[in-house]
Amino acid sequence: ASLDDAVAHIDGHGGGHTEVIVTSDAEAAWAFTAAIDCAAVRVNSPTTAGAYGPARLFSTQRTHVRGPIRAAQLTSSKQVTYPG
């Protein structure tokens, strides 16, 4: 029913990999991308590029660290895609 409801639902049931918002409201898109805790957020675009597209070339999944831990291993990023 609302953006807050969507974020709460994803927080409770999302997989942490890729989430999508379809909206014409730019403010809602920005708020969604900021609020969602996942590896990739898509705005008005599919969750993947298809079986043979770029999504097959790399993974945005979160991974845990093995071996020595330094600043680079403690940092993660979120990929945000807007239609362009």
N, C-alpha and C. Protein backbone atom coordinates (compact mmCIF):
# COMPACT_ATOMS: atom_id res chain seq x y z
N ALA A 1 0.83 -1.21 0.00
CA ALA A 1 0.00 0.00 0.00
C ALA A 1 0.86 1.26 0.00
N SER A 2 2.11 1.14 0.49
CA SER A 2 2.98 2.31 0.56
C SER A 2 4.44 1.88 0.40
N LEU A 3 5.30 2.86 0.24
CA LEU A 3 6.73 2.57 0.14
C LEU A 3 7.24 1.94 1.43
N ASP A 4 6.80 2.46 2.56
CA ASP A 4 7.22 1.89 3.85
C ASP A 4 6.78 0.43 3.98
N ASP A 5 5.56 0.12 3.51
CA ASP A 5 5.09 -1.26 3.55
C ASP A 5 5.95 -2.15 2.66
N ALA A 6 6.32 -1.66 1.49
CA ALA A 6 7.16 -2.44 0.57
C ALA A 6 8.53 -2.72 1.19
N VAL A 7 9.13 -1.70 1.78
CA VAL A 7 10.44 -1.87 2.42
C VAL A 7 10.34 -2.86 3.58
N ALA A 8 9.30 -2.75 4.37
CA ALA A 8 9.11 -3.67 5.50
C ALA A 8 8.94 -5.11 5.00
N HIS A 9 8.19 -5.28 3.92
CA HIS A 9 7.99 -6.61 3.37
C HIS A 9 9.31 -7.19 2.87
N ILE A 10 10.09 -6.39 2.16
CA ILE A 10 11.38 -6.86 1.64
C ILE A 10 12.33 -7.16 2.79
N ASP A 11 12.33 -6.32 3.81
CA ASP A 11 13.19 -6.57 4.98
C ASP A 11 12.85 -7.91 5.62
N GLY A 12 11.57 -8.27 5.63
CA GLY A 12 11.15 -9.52 6.25
C GLY A 12 11.24 -10.74 5.36
N HIS A 13 11.18 -10.54 4.05
CA HIS A 13 11.09 -11.68 3.15
C HIS A 13 12.10 -11.67 2.00
N GLY A 14 12.84 -10.59 1.85
CA GLY A 14 13.78 -10.49 0.73
C GLY A 14 14.99 -11.39 0.90
N GLY A 15 15.63 -11.68 -0.22
CA GLY A 15 16.79 -12.56 -0.20
C GLY A 15 18.11 -11.83 -0.08
N GLY A 16 18.10 -10.50 -0.15
CA GLY A 16 19.34 -9.74 -0.01
C GLY A 16 20.16 -9.67 -1.28
N HIS A 17 19.63 -10.17 -2.38
CA HIS A 17 20.39 -10.15 -3.63
C HIS A 17 19.96 -9.00 -4.52
N THR A 18 18.78 -9.07 -5.12
CA THR A 18 18.30 -8.04 -6.05
C THR A 18 16.86 -7.70 -5.74
N GLU A 19 16.58 -6.41 -5.65
CA GLU A 19 15.20 -5.93 -5.45
C GLU A 19 14.92 -4.88 -6.51
N VAL A 20 13.64 -4.73 -6.88
CA VAL A 20 13.23 -3.83 -7.96
C VAL A 20 12.09 -2.95 -7.50
N ILE A 21 12.10 -1.70 -7.94
CA ILE A 21 10.95 -0.82 -7.79
C ILE A 21 10.55 -0.33 -9.18
N VAL A 22 9.24 -0.33 -9.41
CA VAL A 22 8.70 0.21 -10.66
C VAL A 22 7.87 1.42 -10.27
N THR A 23 8.33 2.60 -10.66
CA THR A 23 7.66 3.83 -10.26
C THR A 23 8.00 4.96 -11.22
N SER A 24 7.12 5.92 -11.30
CA SER A 24 7.41 7.14 -12.07
C SER A 24 7.79 8.28 -11.12
N ASP A 25 7.78 8.00 -9.83
CA ASP A 25 8.10 8.98 -8.79
C ASP A 25 9.59 8.91 -8.44
N ALA A 26 10.35 9.91 -8.87
CA ALA A 26 11.80 9.91 -8.65
C ALA A 26 12.15 9.91 -7.16
N GLU A 27 11.39 10.62 -6.35
CA GLU A 27 11.66 10.66 -4.91
C GLU A 27 11.46 9.28 -4.28
N ALA A 28 10.43 8.57 -4.71
CA ALA A 28 10.19 7.22 -4.20
C ALA A 28 11.32 6.29 -4.62
N ALA A 29 11.81 6.45 -5.84
CA ALA A 29 12.92 5.61 -6.31
C ALA A 29 14.17 5.84 -5.46
N TRP A 30 14.49 7.10 -5.20
CA TRP A 30 15.67 7.41 -4.37
C TRP A 30 15.49 6.87 -2.96
N ALA A 31 14.30 7.05 -2.39
CA ALA A 31 14.05 6.57 -1.03
C ALA A 31 14.15 5.05 -0.97
N PHE A 32 13.63 4.37 -1.98
CA PHE A 32 13.69 2.91 -2.03
C PHE A 32 15.13 2.42 -2.10
N THR A 33 15.92 3.01 -3.00
CA THR A 33 17.31 2.56 -3.15
C THR A 33 18.11 2.80 -1.87
N ALA A 34 17.79 3.86 -1.14
CA ALA A 34 18.49 4.13 0.10
C ALA A 34 18.07 3.19 1.23
N ALA A 35 16.79 2.79 1.23
CA ALA A 35 16.25 2.01 2.34
C ALA A 35 16.51 0.51 2.22
N ILE A 36 16.65 0.02 1.01
CA ILE A 36 16.77 -1.42 0.81
C ILE A 36 18.20 -1.88 1.07
N ASP A 37 18.33 -2.93 1.87
CA ASP A 37 19.64 -3.52 2.17
C ASP A 37 19.81 -4.78 1.35
N CYS A 38 20.39 -4.63 0.17
CA CYS A 38 20.64 -5.77 -0.69
C CYS A 38 21.82 -5.44 -1.61
N ALA A 39 22.26 -6.42 -2.35
CA ALA A 39 23.43 -6.23 -3.20
C ALA A 39 23.14 -5.41 -4.44
N ALA A 40 21.92 -5.51 -4.98
CA ALA A 40 21.59 -4.78 -6.20
C ALA A 40 20.16 -4.27 -6.14
N VAL A 41 19.96 -3.02 -6.52
CA VAL A 41 18.64 -2.42 -6.57
C VAL A 41 18.41 -1.95 -8.00
N ARG A 42 17.28 -2.31 -8.57
CA ARG A 42 16.94 -1.90 -9.94
C ARG A 42 15.74 -0.96 -9.87
N VAL A 43 15.79 0.10 -10.66
CA VAL A 43 14.67 1.02 -10.77
C VAL A 43 14.13 0.92 -12.19
N ASN A 44 12.87 0.50 -12.29
CA ASN A 44 12.19 0.36 -13.59
C ASN A 44 12.98 -0.48 -14.58
N SER A 45 13.56 -1.56 -14.11
CA SER A 45 14.30 -2.46 -14.99
C SER A 45 14.20 -3.88 -14.45
N PRO A 46 14.47 -4.87 -15.31
CA PRO A 46 14.37 -6.26 -14.87
C PRO A 46 15.42 -6.62 -13.82
N THR A 47 15.16 -7.69 -13.09
CA THR A 47 16.10 -8.11 -12.05
C THR A 47 17.39 -8.67 -12.63
N THR A 48 17.34 -9.20 -13.85
CA THR A 48 18.55 -9.71 -14.50
C THR A 48 18.55 -9.27 -15.95
N ALA A 49 19.66 -9.44 -16.60
CA ALA A 49 19.77 -9.11 -18.01
C ALA A 49 19.47 -10.32 -18.88
N GLY A 50 18.97 -11.38 -18.31
CA GLY A 50 18.68 -12.58 -19.06
C GLY A 50 19.78 -13.61 -18.91
N ALA A 51 19.50 -14.80 -19.32
CA ALA A 51 20.42 -15.92 -19.12
C ALA A 51 21.77 -15.72 -19.80
N TYR A 52 21.80 -14.96 -20.88
CA TYR A 52 23.06 -14.79 -21.61
C TYR A 52 23.58 -13.37 -21.56
N GLY A 53 22.98 -12.53 -20.72
CA GLY A 53 23.40 -11.13 -20.63
C GLY A 53 24.45 -10.91 -19.57
N PRO A 54 24.68 -9.64 -19.22
CA PRO A 54 25.72 -9.29 -18.25
C PRO A 54 25.57 -9.95 -16.89
N ALA A 55 24.35 -10.26 -16.48
CA ALA A 55 24.16 -10.87 -15.16
C ALA A 55 24.88 -12.21 -15.05
N ARG A 56 25.12 -12.84 -16.17
CA ARG A 56 25.83 -14.13 -16.14
C ARG A 56 27.34 -13.94 -15.96
N LEU A 57 27.83 -12.76 -16.25
CA LEU A 57 29.27 -12.51 -16.21
C LEU A 57 29.80 -12.21 -14.81
N PHE A 58 28.95 -11.71 -13.94
CA PHE A 58 29.40 -11.37 -12.60
C PHE A 58 28.26 -11.59 -11.62
N SER A 59 28.61 -11.70 -10.37
CA SER A 59 27.61 -11.88 -9.33
C SER A 59 27.66 -10.71 -8.38
N THR A 60 26.49 -10.24 -7.95
CA THR A 60 26.43 -9.17 -6.97
C THR A 60 26.08 -9.71 -5.59
N GLN A 61 26.15 -11.02 -5.43
CA GLN A 61 25.83 -11.60 -4.14
C GLN A 61 26.86 -11.19 -3.10
N ARG A 62 26.41 -11.13 -1.89
CA ARG A 62 27.32 -10.85 -0.79
C ARG A 62 28.10 -12.11 -0.46
N THR A 63 29.34 -11.95 -0.19
CA THR A 63 30.16 -13.10 0.19
C THR A 63 30.83 -12.80 1.53
N HIS A 64 31.14 -13.83 2.24
CA HIS A 64 31.86 -13.63 3.49
C HIS A 64 33.36 -13.70 3.21
N VAL A 65 34.12 -13.19 4.12
CA VAL A 65 35.57 -13.09 3.95
C VAL A 65 36.25 -14.35 4.46
N ARG A 66 37.24 -14.78 3.73
CA ARG A 66 38.09 -15.87 4.17
C ARG A 66 39.52 -15.34 4.22
N GLY A 67 40.26 -15.74 5.20
CA GLY A 67 41.64 -15.29 5.31
C GLY A 67 41.75 -13.96 6.06
N PRO A 68 42.87 -13.25 5.86
CA PRO A 68 43.10 -12.00 6.58
C PRO A 68 42.02 -10.96 6.28
N ILE A 69 41.63 -10.23 7.30
CA ILE A 69 40.60 -9.21 7.13
C ILE A 69 41.25 -7.83 7.22
N ARG A 70 41.08 -7.06 6.16
CA ARG A 70 41.56 -5.67 6.10
C ARG A 70 40.37 -4.79 5.74
N ALA A 71 40.60 -3.50 5.61
CA ALA A 71 39.52 -2.56 5.32
C ALA A 71 38.74 -2.95 4.08
N ALA A 72 39.40 -3.40 3.02
CA ALA A 72 38.71 -3.76 1.79
C ALA A 72 37.73 -4.91 2.00
N GLN A 73 38.04 -5.85 2.88
CA GLN A 73 37.17 -6.96 3.13
C GLN A 73 35.98 -6.59 4.03
N LEU A 74 36.09 -5.49 4.73
CA LEU A 74 35.02 -5.04 5.62
C LEU A 74 34.06 -4.10 4.91
N THR A 75 34.33 -3.80 3.66
CA THR A 75 33.53 -2.85 2.90
C THR A 75 32.71 -3.58 1.85
N SER A 76 31.47 -3.19 1.70
CA SER A 76 30.65 -3.76 0.64
C SER A 76 29.99 -2.62 -0.13
N SER A 77 29.48 -2.91 -1.28
CA SER A 77 28.82 -1.88 -2.07
C SER A 77 27.47 -2.38 -2.53
N LYS A 78 26.63 -1.46 -2.93
CA LYS A 78 25.32 -1.77 -3.45
C LYS A 78 25.25 -1.24 -4.87
N GLN A 79 24.90 -2.10 -5.81
CA GLN A 79 24.76 -1.70 -7.21
C GLN A 79 23.35 -1.16 -7.40
N VAL A 80 23.24 0.07 -7.92
CA VAL A 80 21.94 0.67 -8.18
C VAL A 80 21.85 0.95 -9.68
N THR A 81 20.80 0.45 -10.32
CA THR A 81 20.62 0.61 -11.76
C THR A 81 19.36 1.39 -12.06
N TYR A 82 19.52 2.49 -12.79
CA TYR A 82 18.40 3.28 -13.28
C TYR A 82 18.33 3.12 -14.79
N PRO A 83 17.13 3.19 -15.36
CA PRO A 83 17.06 3.07 -16.82
C PRO A 83 17.78 4.23 -17.48
N GLY A 84 18.42 3.98 -18.55
CA GLY A 84 19.20 5.05 -19.11
C GLY A 84 19.13 5.10 -20.56
